[in-house]
C-alpha atoms as a PDB file:
ATOM      1  CA  MET A   1     -44.943  85.302  57.284  1.00  0.00           C
ATOM      2  CA  PRO A   2     -43.167  82.493  55.035  1.00  0.00           C
ATOM      3  CA  ARG A   3     -40.319  80.893  56.571  1.00  0.00           C
ATOM      4  CA  THR A   4     -36.935  81.926  55.498  1.00  0.00           C
ATOM      5  CA  VAL A   5     -34.058  79.339  54.852  1.00  0.00           C
ATOM      6  CA  GLY A   6     -30.872  80.887  56.389  1.00  0.00           C
ATOM      7  CA  LYS A   7     -27.387  80.799  55.104  1.00  0.00           C
ATOM      8  CA  THR A   8     -26.380  77.864  57.365  1.00  0.00           C
ATOM      9  CA  THR A   9     -28.901  75.520  55.356  1.00  0.00           C
ATOM     10  CA  ALA A  10     -26.962  73.153  53.210  1.00  0.00           C
ATOM     11  CA  THR A  11     -27.982  72.853  49.535  1.00  0.00           C
ATOM     12  CA  LYS A  12     -27.734  69.632  47.718  1.00  0.00           C
ATOM     13  CA  LYS A  13     -24.919  69.438  44.841  1.00  0.00           C
ATOM     14  CA  ALA A  14     -25.790  68.117  41.584  1.00  0.00           C
ATOM     15  CA  ALA A  15     -24.983  64.496  40.857  1.00  0.00           C
ATOM     16  CA  LYS A  16     -21.799  63.997  38.496  1.00  0.00           C
ATOM     17  CA  PRO A  17     -22.835  62.271  35.431  1.00  0.00           C
ATOM     18  CA  ALA A  18     -21.280  58.419  35.475  1.00  0.00           C
ATOM     19  CA  LYS A  19     -18.284  57.821  33.231  1.00  0.00           C
ATOM     20  CA  PRO A  20     -18.918  55.447  30.621  1.00  0.00           C
ATOM     21  CA  ARG A  21     -17.489  52.055  31.016  1.00  0.00           C
ATOM     22  CA  ALA A  22     -15.133  50.938  28.590  1.00  0.00           C
ATOM     23  CA  PRO A  23     -16.231  48.047  26.595  1.00  0.00           C
ATOM     24  CA  LYS A  24     -14.645  44.447  27.820  1.00  0.00           C
ATOM     25  CA  LYS A  25     -12.258  43.312  25.460  1.00  0.00           C
ATOM     26  CA  LYS A  26     -13.538  39.926  23.718  1.00  0.00           C
ATOM     27  CA  ALA A  27     -11.257  36.896  24.241  1.00  0.00           C
ATOM     28  CA  VAL A  28      -9.467  36.318  20.786  1.00  0.00           C
ATOM     29  CA  ALA A  29      -8.943  32.772  19.960  1.00  0.00           C
ATOM     30  CA  LYS A  30      -5.544  31.716  19.258  1.00  0.00           C
ATOM     31  CA  LYS A  31      -5.150  30.845  15.664  1.00  0.00           C
ATOM     32  CA  THR A  32      -3.494  27.081  15.229  1.00  0.00           C
ATOM     33  CA  PRO A  33      -0.797  27.679  12.629  1.00  0.00           C
ATOM     34  CA  PRO A  34      -1.311  26.259   9.576  1.00  0.00           C
ATOM     35  CA  LYS A  35       0.392  22.878   8.654  1.00  0.00           C
ATOM     36  CA  PRO A  36       3.482  23.306   6.393  1.00  0.00           C
ATOM     37  CA  LEU A  37       2.900  22.390   2.826  1.00  0.00           C
ATOM     38  CA  LEU A  38       5.503  19.749   1.491  1.00  0.00           C
ATOM     39  CA  ARG A  39       5.483  17.636  -1.769  1.00  0.00           C
ATOM     40  CA  THR A  40       2.773  15.062  -0.867  1.00  0.00           C
ATOM     41  CA  GLY A  41       0.737  12.857  -3.265  1.00  0.00           C
ATOM     42  CA  THR A  42       0.019   9.670  -4.785  1.00  0.00           C
ATOM     43  CA  VAL A  43       2.241   7.666  -7.027  1.00  0.00           C
ATOM     44  CA  THR A  44       0.789   4.628  -9.052  1.00  0.00           C
ATOM     45  CA  LEU A  45       3.137   1.712 -10.219  1.00  0.00           C
ATOM     46  CA  ILE A  46       1.724  -0.149 -13.197  1.00  0.00           C
ATOM     47  CA  GLY A  47       3.119  -2.468 -16.211  1.00  0.00           C
ATOM     48  CA  ARG A  48       2.734  -5.913 -17.070  1.00  0.00           C
ATOM     49  CA  PRO A  49       2.709  -8.990 -14.974  1.00  0.00           C
ATOM     50  CA  ASN A  50       6.280  -9.648 -13.783  1.00  0.00           C
ATOM     51  CA  THR A  51       7.825  -6.121 -14.348  1.00  0.00           C
ATOM     52  CA  GLY A  52       9.167  -5.780 -10.839  1.00  0.00           C
ATOM     53  CA  LYS A  53       6.357  -3.527  -9.562  1.00  0.00           C
ATOM     54  CA  SER A  54       6.485  -5.225  -5.952  1.00  0.00           C
ATOM     55  CA  THR A  55       9.997  -5.227  -5.697  1.00  0.00           C
ATOM     56  CA  LEU A  56      10.353  -1.639  -6.397  1.00  0.00           C
ATOM     57  CA  LEU A  57       7.609  -1.002  -3.743  1.00  0.00           C
ATOM     58  CA  ASN A  58       9.463  -2.664  -0.972  1.00  0.00           C
ATOM     59  CA  ALA A  59      12.990  -1.142  -2.051  1.00  0.00           C
ATOM     60  CA  LEU A  60      11.511   2.370  -1.941  1.00  0.00           C
ATOM     61  CA  ILE A  61       9.758   1.884   1.434  1.00  0.00           C
ATOM     62  CA  GLY A  62      12.666  -0.189   2.973  1.00  0.00           C
ATOM     63  CA  GLN A  63      10.353  -3.011   4.219  1.00  0.00           C
ATOM     64  CA  LYS A  64       8.541  -5.913   2.664  1.00  0.00           C
ATOM     65  CA  LEU A  65       5.090  -4.806   2.286  1.00  0.00           C
ATOM     66  CA  ALA A  66       4.182  -6.870  -1.168  1.00  0.00           C
ATOM     67  CA  ILE A  67       4.922 -10.362  -1.567  1.00  0.00           C
ATOM     68  CA  VAL A  68       7.247 -11.223  -4.728  1.00  0.00           C
ATOM     69  CA  SER A  69       7.220 -14.123  -7.100  1.00  0.00           C
ATOM     70  CA  ASP A  70       8.393 -14.873 -10.626  1.00  0.00           C
ATOM     71  CA  ARG A  71       4.763 -16.092 -11.311  1.00  0.00           C
ATOM     72  CA  PRO A  72       2.342 -13.778 -13.127  1.00  0.00           C
ATOM     73  CA  GLN A  73      -0.356 -11.961 -11.319  1.00  0.00           C
ATOM     74  CA  THR A  74       1.009 -12.406  -7.916  1.00  0.00           C
ATOM     75  CA  THR A  75      -0.400  -9.169  -6.930  1.00  0.00           C
ATOM     76  CA  ARG A  76      -4.112  -9.120  -6.861  1.00  0.00           C
ATOM     77  CA  VAL A  77      -4.993  -5.798  -5.048  1.00  0.00           C
ATOM     78  CA  SER A  78      -3.730  -2.453  -4.794  1.00  0.00           C
ATOM     79  CA  ILE A  79      -1.215  -1.959  -1.928  1.00  0.00           C
ATOM     80  CA  LEU A  80      -0.185   1.044  -0.326  1.00  0.00           C
ATOM     81  CA  GLY A  81       3.279   2.299   0.719  1.00  0.00           C
ATOM     82  CA  ILE A  82       4.006   5.276   2.543  1.00  0.00           C
ATOM     83  CA  LYS A  83       7.205   7.292   2.161  1.00  0.00           C
ATOM     84  CA  THR A  84       7.743  10.188   4.590  1.00  0.00           C
ATOM     85  CA  THR A  85      10.922  12.371   4.287  1.00  0.00           C
ATOM     86  CA  ASP A  86      11.846  15.952   5.102  1.00  0.00           C
ATOM     87  CA  LYS A  87      10.743  16.968   1.593  1.00  0.00           C
ATOM     88  CA  GLY A  88       7.313  15.420   2.286  1.00  0.00           C
ATOM     89  CA  GLN A  89       5.197  12.232   1.824  1.00  0.00           C
ATOM     90  CA  VAL A  90       4.767   9.916  -1.085  1.00  0.00           C
ATOM     91  CA  ILE A  91       2.035   7.348  -1.353  1.00  0.00           C
ATOM     92  CA  PHE A  92       3.050   4.663  -3.754  1.00  0.00           C
ATOM     93  CA  ILE A  93       0.633   2.241  -5.114  1.00  0.00           C
ATOM     94  CA  ASP A  94       1.756  -1.101  -6.086  1.00  0.00           C
ATOM     95  CA  ASN A  95      -0.831  -2.685  -8.883  1.00  0.00           C
ATOM     96  CA  PRO A  96      -1.939  -6.044 -10.339  1.00  0.00           C
ATOM     97  CA  GLY A  97      -0.117  -6.354 -13.647  1.00  0.00           C
ATOM     98  CA  ILE A  98      -2.139  -5.077 -16.562  1.00  0.00           C
ATOM     99  CA  HIS A  99      -3.717  -7.919 -18.634  1.00  0.00           C
ATOM    100  CA  LYS A 100      -7.026  -8.907 -20.590  1.00  0.00           C
ATOM    101  CA  PRO A 101      -9.364 -10.273 -17.704  1.00  0.00           C
ATOM    102  CA  LEU A 102     -10.959 -13.700 -18.267  1.00  0.00           C
ATOM    103  CA  HIS A 103     -12.488 -14.166 -14.777  1.00  0.00           C
ATOM    104  CA  ALA A 104     -14.310 -12.246 -12.088  1.00  0.00           C
ATOM    105  CA  LEU A 105     -10.826 -12.013 -10.149  1.00  0.00           C
ATOM    106  CA  ASN A 106      -8.988 -10.539 -13.007  1.00  0.00           C
ATOM    107  CA  LYS A 107     -11.714  -7.932 -13.582  1.00  0.00           C
ATOM    108  CA  ARG A 108     -11.549  -6.881 -10.052  1.00  0.00           C
ATOM    109  CA  MET A 109      -7.729  -6.693 -10.362  1.00  0.00           C
ATOM    110  CA  MET A 110      -7.862  -4.339 -13.327  1.00  0.00           C
ATOM    111  CA  ASN A 111     -10.497  -2.397 -11.622  1.00  0.00           C
ATOM    112  CA  PHE A 112      -7.867  -1.755  -8.874  1.00  0.00           C
ATOM    113  CA  VAL A 113      -5.492  -0.427 -11.919  1.00  0.00           C
ATOM    114  CA  TYR A 114      -8.200   1.661 -13.377  1.00  0.00           C
ATOM    115  CA  SER A 115      -9.015   3.338  -9.900  1.00  0.00           C
ATOM    116  CA  SER A 116      -5.367   3.950  -9.283  1.00  0.00           C
ATOM    117  CA  LEU A 117      -4.788   5.738 -12.608  1.00  0.00           C
ATOM    118  CA  GLN A 118      -7.733   7.904 -12.226  1.00  0.00           C
ATOM    119  CA  THR A 119      -6.926   9.296  -8.666  1.00  0.00           C
ATOM    120  CA  SER A 120      -3.031   9.216  -8.512  1.00  0.00           C
ATOM    121  CA  ASP A 121      -1.048  12.541  -9.026  1.00  0.00           C
ATOM    122  CA  LEU A 122       2.036  10.616 -10.980  1.00  0.00           C
ATOM    123  CA  VAL A 123       2.004   7.467 -12.680  1.00  0.00           C
ATOM    124  CA  CYS A 124       5.243   5.510 -12.987  1.00  0.00           C
ATOM    125  CA  LEU A 125       5.200   2.707 -15.851  1.00  0.00           C
ATOM    126  CA  LEU A 126       7.652  -0.171 -15.375  1.00  0.00           C
ATOM    127  CA  VAL A 127       8.918  -2.301 -18.183  1.00  0.00           C
ATOM    128  CA  ASP A 128      11.238  -5.387 -18.015  1.00  0.00           C
ATOM    129  CA  ALA A 129      14.461  -4.433 -20.040  1.00  0.00           C
ATOM    130  CA  THR A 130      14.895  -8.148 -20.353  1.00  0.00           C
ATOM    131  CA  GLN A 131      11.559  -8.769 -22.350  1.00  0.00           C
ATOM    132  CA  LYS A 132      10.846  -7.783 -26.031  1.00  0.00           C
ATOM    133  CA  PHE A 133       8.286  -5.206 -26.825  1.00  0.00           C
ATOM    134  CA  GLY A 134       5.091  -6.961 -27.672  1.00  0.00           C
ATOM    135  CA  HIS A 135       1.140  -6.810 -27.781  1.00  0.00           C
ATOM    136  CA  GLY A 136       1.081  -6.688 -24.050  1.00  0.00           C
ATOM    137  CA  ASP A 137       3.228  -3.466 -23.956  1.00  0.00           C
ATOM    138  CA  GLU A 138       0.885  -1.826 -26.418  1.00  0.00           C
ATOM    139  CA  PHE A 139      -2.190  -2.678 -24.230  1.00  0.00           C
ATOM    140  CA  VAL A 140      -0.635  -0.851 -21.341  1.00  0.00           C
ATOM    141  CA  LEU A 141       0.139   2.112 -23.457  1.00  0.00           C
ATOM    142  CA  GLU A 142      -3.344   2.311 -24.600  1.00  0.00           C
ATOM    143  CA  THR A 143      -4.489   2.114 -21.141  1.00  0.00           C
ATOM    144  CA  LEU A 144      -2.165   4.805 -20.006  1.00  0.00           C
ATOM    145  CA  LYS A 145      -3.150   6.999 -22.960  1.00  0.00           C
ATOM    146  CA  LYS A 146      -6.991   7.180 -21.415  1.00  0.00           C
ATOM    147  CA  VAL A 147      -5.802   9.185 -18.458  1.00  0.00           C
ATOM    148  CA  SER A 148      -4.173  12.859 -18.506  1.00  0.00           C
ATOM    149  CA  THR A 149      -1.976  12.090 -15.404  1.00  0.00           C
ATOM    150  CA  PRO A 150       1.736  12.766 -15.913  1.00  0.00           C
ATOM    151  CA  ALA A 151       3.886   9.664 -16.417  1.00  0.00           C
ATOM    152  CA  PHE A 152       7.604   8.436 -15.862  1.00  0.00           C
ATOM    153  CA  LEU A 153       8.678   5.543 -17.618  1.00  0.00           C
ATOM    154  CA  LEU A 154      10.895   3.198 -15.501  1.00  0.00           C
ATOM    155  CA  ILE A 155      12.986   0.662 -17.356  1.00  0.00           C
ATOM    156  CA  ASN A 156      13.751  -2.161 -14.950  1.00  0.00           C
ATOM    157  CA  LYS A 157      16.233  -4.714 -14.699  1.00  0.00           C
ATOM    158  CA  VAL A 158      18.844  -2.820 -16.101  1.00  0.00           C
ATOM    159  CA  ASP A 159      21.383  -4.589 -14.116  1.00  0.00           C
ATOM    160  CA  THR A 160      21.015  -7.789 -16.268  1.00  0.00           C
ATOM    161  CA  VAL A 161      21.441  -6.277 -19.693  1.00  0.00           C
ATOM    162  CA  ARG A 162      23.898  -4.205 -22.021  1.00  0.00           C
ATOM    163  CA  LYS A 163      23.625  -0.548 -21.916  1.00  0.00           C
ATOM    164  CA  ASP A 164      22.664  -0.589 -25.832  1.00  0.00           C
ATOM    165  CA  LYS A 165      19.612  -2.720 -25.299  1.00  0.00           C
ATOM    166  CA  VAL A 166      18.443  -0.068 -22.745  1.00  0.00           C
ATOM    167  CA  LEU A 167      18.933   2.807 -25.215  1.00  0.00           C
ATOM    168  CA  LEU A 168      16.919   0.932 -27.895  1.00  0.00           C
ATOM    169  CA  LEU A 169      14.123   0.781 -25.363  1.00  0.00           C
ATOM    170  CA  ILE A 170      14.477   4.433 -24.460  1.00  0.00           C
ATOM    171  CA  ASP A 171      14.232   5.260 -28.299  1.00  0.00           C
ATOM    172  CA  ARG A 172      11.229   3.100 -28.631  1.00  0.00           C
ATOM    173  CA  TYR A 173       9.215   4.458 -25.832  1.00  0.00           C
ATOM    174  CA  LYS A 174       9.830   8.228 -26.047  1.00  0.00           C
ATOM    175  CA  ASP A 175       8.301   8.164 -29.483  1.00  0.00           C
ATOM    176  CA  LEU A 176       5.307   6.312 -28.244  1.00  0.00           C
ATOM    177  CA  PHE A 177       4.113   8.326 -25.345  1.00  0.00           C
ATOM    178  CA  PRO A 178       5.115  11.709 -23.875  1.00  0.00           C
ATOM    179  CA  PHE A 179       6.722  10.625 -20.647  1.00  0.00           C
ATOM    180  CA  ARG A 180       8.003  13.287 -18.264  1.00  0.00           C
ATOM    181  CA  GLU A 181      11.044  11.358 -17.474  1.00  0.00           C
ATOM    182  CA  ILE A 182      12.404   8.107 -18.462  1.00  0.00           C
ATOM    183  CA  ILE A 183      14.910   6.278 -15.730  1.00  0.00           C
ATOM    184  CA  PRO A 184      16.796   3.297 -16.299  1.00  0.00           C
ATOM    185  CA  VAL A 185      16.518   1.486 -12.672  1.00  0.00           C
ATOM    186  CA  SER A 186      17.186  -1.811 -10.689  1.00  0.00           C
ATOM    187  CA  ALA A 187      14.650  -2.303  -8.271  1.00  0.00           C
ATOM    188  CA  LEU A 188      16.481  -5.459  -7.134  1.00  0.00           C
ATOM    189  CA  LYS A 189      19.961  -3.697  -6.745  1.00  0.00           C
ATOM    190  CA  GLY A 190      18.743  -0.494  -6.020  1.00  0.00           C
ATOM    191  CA  ASP A 191      20.189   1.469  -9.029  1.00  0.00           C
ATOM    192  CA  ASN A 192      19.036   4.854  -9.562  1.00  0.00           C
ATOM    193  CA  LEU A 193      16.363   4.827  -6.790  1.00  0.00           C
ATOM    194  CA  ASP A 194      17.778   7.818  -5.397  1.00  0.00           C
ATOM    195  CA  VAL A 195      17.151   9.572  -8.634  1.00  0.00           C
ATOM    196  CA  LEU A 196      13.841   8.287  -8.872  1.00  0.00           C
ATOM    197  CA  GLU A 197      12.912   9.203  -5.465  1.00  0.00           C
ATOM    198  CA  ARG A 198      14.190  12.897  -6.241  1.00  0.00           C
ATOM    199  CA  LEU A 199      12.158  13.302  -9.475  1.00  0.00           C
ATOM    200  CA  VAL A 200       9.075  11.991  -7.947  1.00  0.00           C
ATOM    201  CA  PHE A 201       9.046  14.529  -5.104  1.00  0.00           C
ATOM    202  CA  ASP A 202       9.894  17.279  -7.443  1.00  0.00           C
ATOM    203  CA  ALA A 203       6.539  16.117  -9.490  1.00  0.00           C
ATOM    204  CA  LEU A 204       4.329  16.182  -6.719  1.00  0.00           C
ATOM    205  CA  PRO A 205       2.001  19.113  -5.694  1.00  0.00           C
ATOM    206  CA  LEU A 206       2.493  20.913  -2.334  1.00  0.00           C
ATOM    207  CA  ALA A 207      -0.047  19.853  -0.053  1.00  0.00           C
ATOM    208  CA  GLU A 208      -0.590  18.696   3.882  1.00  0.00           C
ATOM    209  CA  LYS A 209       0.777  15.093   4.595  1.00  0.00           C
ATOM    210  CA  LEU A 210      -2.133  12.504   4.435  1.00  0.00           C
ATOM    211  CA  PHE A 211      -0.734  10.295   6.907  1.00  0.00           C
ATOM    212  CA  ALA A 212       1.373  10.251  10.211  1.00  0.00           C
ATOM    213  CA  ASP A 213       5.143  10.261   9.744  1.00  0.00           C
ATOM    214  CA  GLU A 214       5.444   6.752  11.237  1.00  0.00           C
ATOM    215  CA  ASP A 215       2.766   4.885   8.822  1.00  0.00           C
ATOM    216  CA  ILE A 216       4.280   3.224   6.282  1.00  0.00           C
ATOM    217  CA  SER A 217       1.045   0.962   5.032  1.00  0.00           C
ATOM    218  CA  THR A 218      -2.758   0.400   5.399  1.00  0.00           C
ATOM    219  CA  GLN A 219      -2.681  -2.898   5.105  1.00  0.00           C
ATOM    220  CA  THR A 220      -4.016  -5.080   7.787  1.00  0.00           C
ATOM    221  CA  GLU A 221      -2.169  -8.003   9.449  1.00  0.00           C
ATOM    222  CA  ARG A 222      -4.993 -10.160   8.365  1.00  0.00           C
ATOM    223  CA  PHE A 223      -4.211  -9.471   4.736  1.00  0.00           C
ATOM    224  CA  LEU A 224      -0.306  -9.478   5.209  1.00  0.00           C
ATOM    225  CA  PHE A 225      -0.423 -13.151   6.812  1.00  0.00           C
ATOM    226  CA  ALA A 226      -2.521 -14.351   4.001  1.00  0.00           C
ATOM    227  CA  GLU A 227      -0.197 -12.995   1.626  1.00  0.00           C
ATOM    228  CA  ILE A 228       2.828 -14.445   3.117  1.00  0.00           C
ATOM    229  CA  VAL A 229       0.860 -17.790   3.122  1.00  0.00           C
ATOM    230  CA  ARG A 230       0.245 -17.373  -0.563  1.00  0.00           C
ATOM    231  CA  GLU A 231       3.689 -16.503  -1.456  1.00  0.00           C
ATOM    232  CA  LYS A 232       5.169 -19.485   0.095  1.00  0.00           C
ATOM    233  CA  ILE A 233       2.516 -21.481  -1.861  1.00  0.00           C
ATOM    234  CA  LEU A 234       3.775 -19.870  -4.926  1.00  0.00           C
ATOM    235  CA  ALA A 235       7.237 -20.635  -4.431  1.00  0.00           C
ATOM    236  CA  ARG A 236       6.490 -24.491  -4.345  1.00  0.00           C
ATOM    237  CA  VAL A 237       3.822 -25.638  -6.517  1.00  0.00           C
ATOM    238  CA  THR A 238       3.371 -26.230 -10.309  1.00  0.00           C
ATOM    239  CA  GLU A 239       2.712 -23.467 -13.141  1.00  0.00           C
ATOM    240  CA  GLU A 240      -1.153 -24.008 -13.320  1.00  0.00           C
ATOM    241  CA  LEU A 241      -1.984 -23.817  -9.830  1.00  0.00           C
ATOM    242  CA  PRO A 242      -0.956 -20.226  -8.563  1.00  0.00           C
ATOM    243  CA  PHE A 243      -3.792 -18.852 -10.590  1.00  0.00           C
ATOM    244  CA  ALA A 244      -6.322 -21.100  -8.933  1.00  0.00           C
ATOM    245  CA  THR A 245      -4.941 -20.461  -5.241  1.00  0.00           C
ATOM    246  CA  ALA A 246      -6.132 -17.861  -2.756  1.00  0.00           C
ATOM    247  CA  VAL A 247      -5.706 -17.692   1.222  1.00  0.00           C
ATOM    248  CA  TYR A 248      -8.090 -16.408   3.512  1.00  0.00           C
ATOM    249  CA  VAL A 249      -7.312 -16.007   7.440  1.00  0.00           C
ATOM    250  CA  GLU A 250     -10.273 -16.923   9.469  1.00  0.00           C
ATOM    251  CA  ALA A 251      -8.763 -15.808  12.666  1.00  0.00           C
ATOM    252  CA  ILE A 252      -6.001 -14.328  14.672  1.00  0.00           C
ATOM    253  CA  GLU A 253      -6.034 -14.969  18.275  1.00  0.00           C
ATOM    254  CA  LYS A 254      -3.202 -13.263  20.563  1.00  0.00           C
ATOM    255  CA  LYS A 255      -2.838 -14.970  23.991  1.00  0.00           C
ATOM    256  CA  GLU A 256      -0.467 -15.472  26.819  1.00  0.00           C
ATOM    257  CA  GLN A 257       1.345 -18.853  27.680  1.00  0.00           C
ATOM    258  CA  PRO A 258       3.475 -19.673  30.552  1.00  0.00           C
ATOM    259  CA  ASP A 259       7.016 -19.205  30.028  1.00  0.00           C
ATOM    260  CA  TRP A 260       9.049 -22.283  30.658  1.00  0.00           C
ATOM    261  CA  LYS A 261      12.229 -20.470  30.972  1.00  0.00           C
ATOM    262  CA  LYS A 262      10.830 -17.968  33.697  1.00  0.00           C
ATOM    263  CA  GLU A 263       8.424 -19.431  36.279  1.00  0.00           C
ATOM    264  CA  GLY A 264       5.391 -17.401  37.104  1.00  0.00           C
ATOM    265  CA  GLU A 265       5.526 -15.404  33.995  1.00  0.00           C
ATOM    266  CA  THR A 266       3.988 -15.819  30.609  1.00  0.00           C
ATOM    267  CA  ARG A 267       5.052 -14.856  26.969  1.00  0.00           C
ATOM    268  CA  PRO A 268       2.748 -13.794  23.985  1.00  0.00           C
ATOM    269  CA  LEU A 269       1.656 -16.471  21.437  1.00  0.00           C
ATOM    270  CA  THR A 270      -0.438 -15.670  18.586  1.00  0.00           C
ATOM    271  CA  HIS A 271      -2.683 -18.428  16.776  1.00  0.00           C
ATOM    272  CA  VAL A 272      -3.228 -17.926  13.071  1.00  0.00           C
ATOM    273  CA  ARG A 273      -5.914 -20.052  11.171  1.00  0.00           C
ATOM    274  CA  ALA A 274      -6.216 -19.922   7.346  1.00  0.00           C
ATOM    275  CA  SER A 275      -7.849 -21.514   4.816  1.00  0.00           C
ATOM    276  CA  ILE A 276      -6.476 -22.247   1.235  1.00  0.00           C
ATOM    277  CA  PHE A 277      -8.738 -22.178  -1.559  1.00  0.00           C
ATOM    278  CA  VAL A 278      -8.388 -24.473  -4.724  1.00  0.00           C
ATOM    279  CA  GLU A 279     -10.608 -25.029  -7.420  1.00  0.00           C
ATOM    280  CA  LYS A 280     -10.124 -29.042  -7.862  1.00  0.00           C
ATOM    281  CA  ASP A 281      -9.499 -31.900  -5.853  1.00  0.00           C
ATOM    282  CA  ASN A 282      -6.203 -32.768  -7.523  1.00  0.00           C
ATOM    283  CA  HIS A 283      -5.007 -29.213  -6.776  1.00  0.00           C
ATOM    284  CA  ARG A 284      -5.902 -29.897  -3.229  1.00  0.00           C
ATOM    285  CA  LYS A 285      -3.653 -32.949  -3.445  1.00  0.00           C
ATOM    286  CA  ILE A 286      -1.025 -30.900  -4.888  1.00  0.00           C
ATOM    287  CA  VAL A 287      -0.692 -28.147  -1.969  1.00  0.00           C
ATOM    288  CA  ILE A 288      -1.079 -30.901   0.803  1.00  0.00           C
ATOM    289  CA  GLY A 289       1.936 -32.914  -1.038  1.00  0.00           C
ATOM    290  CA  ARG A 290       2.778 -36.425  -0.570  1.00  0.00           C
ATOM    291  CA  ARG A 291       2.067 -37.300   3.206  1.00  0.00           C
ATOM    292  CA  GLY A 292       1.659 -33.724   3.886  1.00  0.00           C
ATOM    293  CA  SER A 293       5.102 -32.838   2.839  1.00  0.00           C
ATOM    294  CA  LEU A 294       4.326 -29.637   0.862  1.00  0.00           C
ATOM    295  CA  ILE A 295       1.602 -27.968   3.028  1.00  0.00           C
ATOM    296  CA  LYS A 296       4.109 -28.569   5.619  1.00  0.00           C
ATOM    297  CA  MET A 297       7.113 -26.750   4.420  1.00  0.00           C
ATOM    298  CA  VAL A 298       4.786 -23.831   3.305  1.00  0.00           C
ATOM    299  CA  GLY A 299       3.597 -23.757   7.190  1.00  0.00           C
ATOM    300  CA  ILE A 300       7.054 -23.779   8.548  1.00  0.00           C
ATOM    301  CA  GLU A 301       8.328 -21.027   6.190  1.00  0.00           C
ATOM    302  CA  ALA A 302       5.264 -18.752   6.747  1.00  0.00           C
ATOM    303  CA  ARG A 303       5.308 -19.487  10.258  1.00  0.00           C
ATOM    304  CA  ARG A 304       8.708 -17.969  10.580  1.00  0.00           C
ATOM    305  CA  GLU A 305       8.148 -14.980   8.427  1.00  0.00           C
ATOM    306  CA  ILE A 306       5.067 -13.979  10.643  1.00  0.00           C
ATOM    307  CA  GLU A 307       7.311 -14.524  13.848  1.00  0.00           C
ATOM    308  CA  ASN A 308       9.813 -12.260  12.560  1.00  0.00           C
ATOM    309  CA  TYR A 309       7.207  -9.702  11.749  1.00  0.00           C
ATOM    310  CA  ILE A 310       5.365  -9.702  15.101  1.00  0.00           C
ATOM    311  CA  GLY A 311       8.379 -10.769  17.429  1.00  0.00           C
ATOM    312  CA  HIS A 312       7.038 -13.705  18.949  1.00  0.00           C
ATOM    313  CA  LYS A 313       5.690 -17.139  18.774  1.00  0.00           C
ATOM    314  CA  VAL A 314       3.048 -18.072  16.040  1.00  0.00           C
ATOM    315  CA  TYR A 315       1.118 -21.132  16.010  1.00  0.00           C
ATOM    316  CA  LEU A 316      -0.152 -21.417  12.241  1.00  0.00           C
ATOM    317  CA  ASP A 317      -3.041 -23.921  11.376  1.00  0.00           C
ATOM    318  CA  LEU A 318      -3.544 -24.169   7.582  1.00  0.00           C
ATOM    319  CA  HIS A 319      -6.402 -25.995   5.780  1.00  0.00           C
ATOM    320  CA  VAL A 320      -6.922 -26.609   2.092  1.00  0.00           C
ATOM    321  CA  LYS A 321     -10.243 -26.381   0.739  1.00  0.00           C
ATOM    322  CA  VAL A 322     -11.900 -26.895  -2.543  1.00  0.00           C
ATOM    323  CA  ARG A 323     -14.071 -24.180  -3.826  1.00  0.00           C
ATOM    324  CA  GLU A 324     -14.722 -24.798  -7.404  1.00  0.00           C
ATOM    325  CA  ARG A 325     -14.639 -21.862  -9.820  1.00  0.00           C
ATOM    326  CA  TRP A 326     -13.921 -19.512  -6.706  1.00  0.00           C
ATOM    327  CA  ARG A 327     -12.296 -17.152  -9.057  1.00  0.00           C
ATOM    328  CA  ASP A 328     -15.666 -16.146 -10.345  1.00  0.00           C
ATOM    329  CA  SER A 329     -17.475 -16.313  -6.931  1.00  0.00           C
ATOM    330  CA  GLU A 330     -18.494 -12.892  -5.919  1.00  0.00           C
ATOM    331  CA  ASP A 331     -19.052 -14.434  -2.021  1.00  0.00           C
ATOM    332  CA  VAL A 332     -15.330 -15.593  -2.009  1.00  0.00           C
ATOM    333  CA  LEU A 333     -13.539 -12.529  -3.752  1.00  0.00           C
ATOM    334  CA  ASP A 334     -15.497 -10.325  -1.120  1.00  0.00           C
ATOM    335  CA  LEU A 335     -14.232 -12.631   1.518  1.00  0.00           C
ATOM    336  CA  ILE A 336     -10.697 -12.474   0.266  1.00  0.00           C
ATOM    337  CA  GLU A 337     -10.711  -8.463  -0.508  1.00  0.00           C
ATOM    338  CA  GLY A 338     -12.115  -7.902   2.987  1.00  0.00           C
ATOM    339  CA  GLN A 339      -8.992  -8.781   4.509  1.00  0.00           C
ATOM    340  CA  ARG A 340      -7.511  -5.543   3.453  1.00  0.00           C
END
C-alpha cells in the first residue's frame, strides 16, 4: 500500500513575493546662482589731439593711467581704465587723437581708434572749448558718423572760457550730429564728472562684470614705465622731437639688497633698463643735453615717479639710440606695442 502522510507532517508555505525596491534618488547638483547683472560696458574716448582725453581718463579712475602732455599725439595706443561701483563696471578706453596719418606709426594709432569705435557700447567725443571749430573737427565727426554706436559730446576745459562760448559750441554741434547727451566738463578741475559718470552708467547695457572689482587697468608695468620716461622727455625737449621719440623698456629686474639701516636684513631694489629711440643723431644730442644734463633730469624725474608707483628703490638705466625712420619700421613698432 502506498504510504500515507499523516496530519503531523509539515507542509511548505508558499514564498511571499519580494517588495519592489524604491529607486535610488539621484544626487541633484546644486545650481550656482547666476551672477548679478549690472550696468557694464566699454566707453571709448575720442577727439582731436590735446582735447584732454588722458586727463579725463585719469580723473574718472582716480589714478594716473595715461601720461599727460600738451604736445599733440602723446597717446599712441588705446589705454583701458576700469571703474567699478555698486552700479556696475565701466571700461573707459583712452585713444590717440584723431588725425590724418602720415607714417606707419600714425596709421597704427588710427587703427586703435577705429577698433575702439567698432567694439564699444558708448562713445564720448571730447572737444576743446578753447579752440575754434575747424577742418580737424569735421574730420572727427565724419569718423564718428561711420559707426552706429550712441555718442555723448563732452565739451572740455569749460573752466577756462565764458559760458556764452560754451553755449555757442552746443548750438553748433547739436545740429551736426545726434548726440544722446551734451555735457560741459572740466577734466582738470573735475566739473560735472559726477553727472557724466551717472549718465554713462544709465546708457550701458545690463551684463556681467568683465573684470575683478580691484582691477583698474590692463597695462603692464613695462608699458607704464616706458610711458613715464617718455612723458618726462616730452616735458623737456623741443617741439620737433616728441613725434620722433619712443621708449622701450628692455628689462625689469627685481632684486634684494642689504639694508644698511638694519643689519642682516634686505630691502627690495628694481633695476629698469630702457632705450630711447630717436631718428637722427642731432635728436640724440638734444635728448642727452649738454654734458648729459637733460637725460640726467629725465632719469631723476622718471625714477622718482616709478618709485612712488612700486613703493621702493629703483635704479633706472637710460640709453639713447638712433634708429632712422623708426616710425615706419614695423619691427620697432611691434617692439614698442608689445610692451602693453
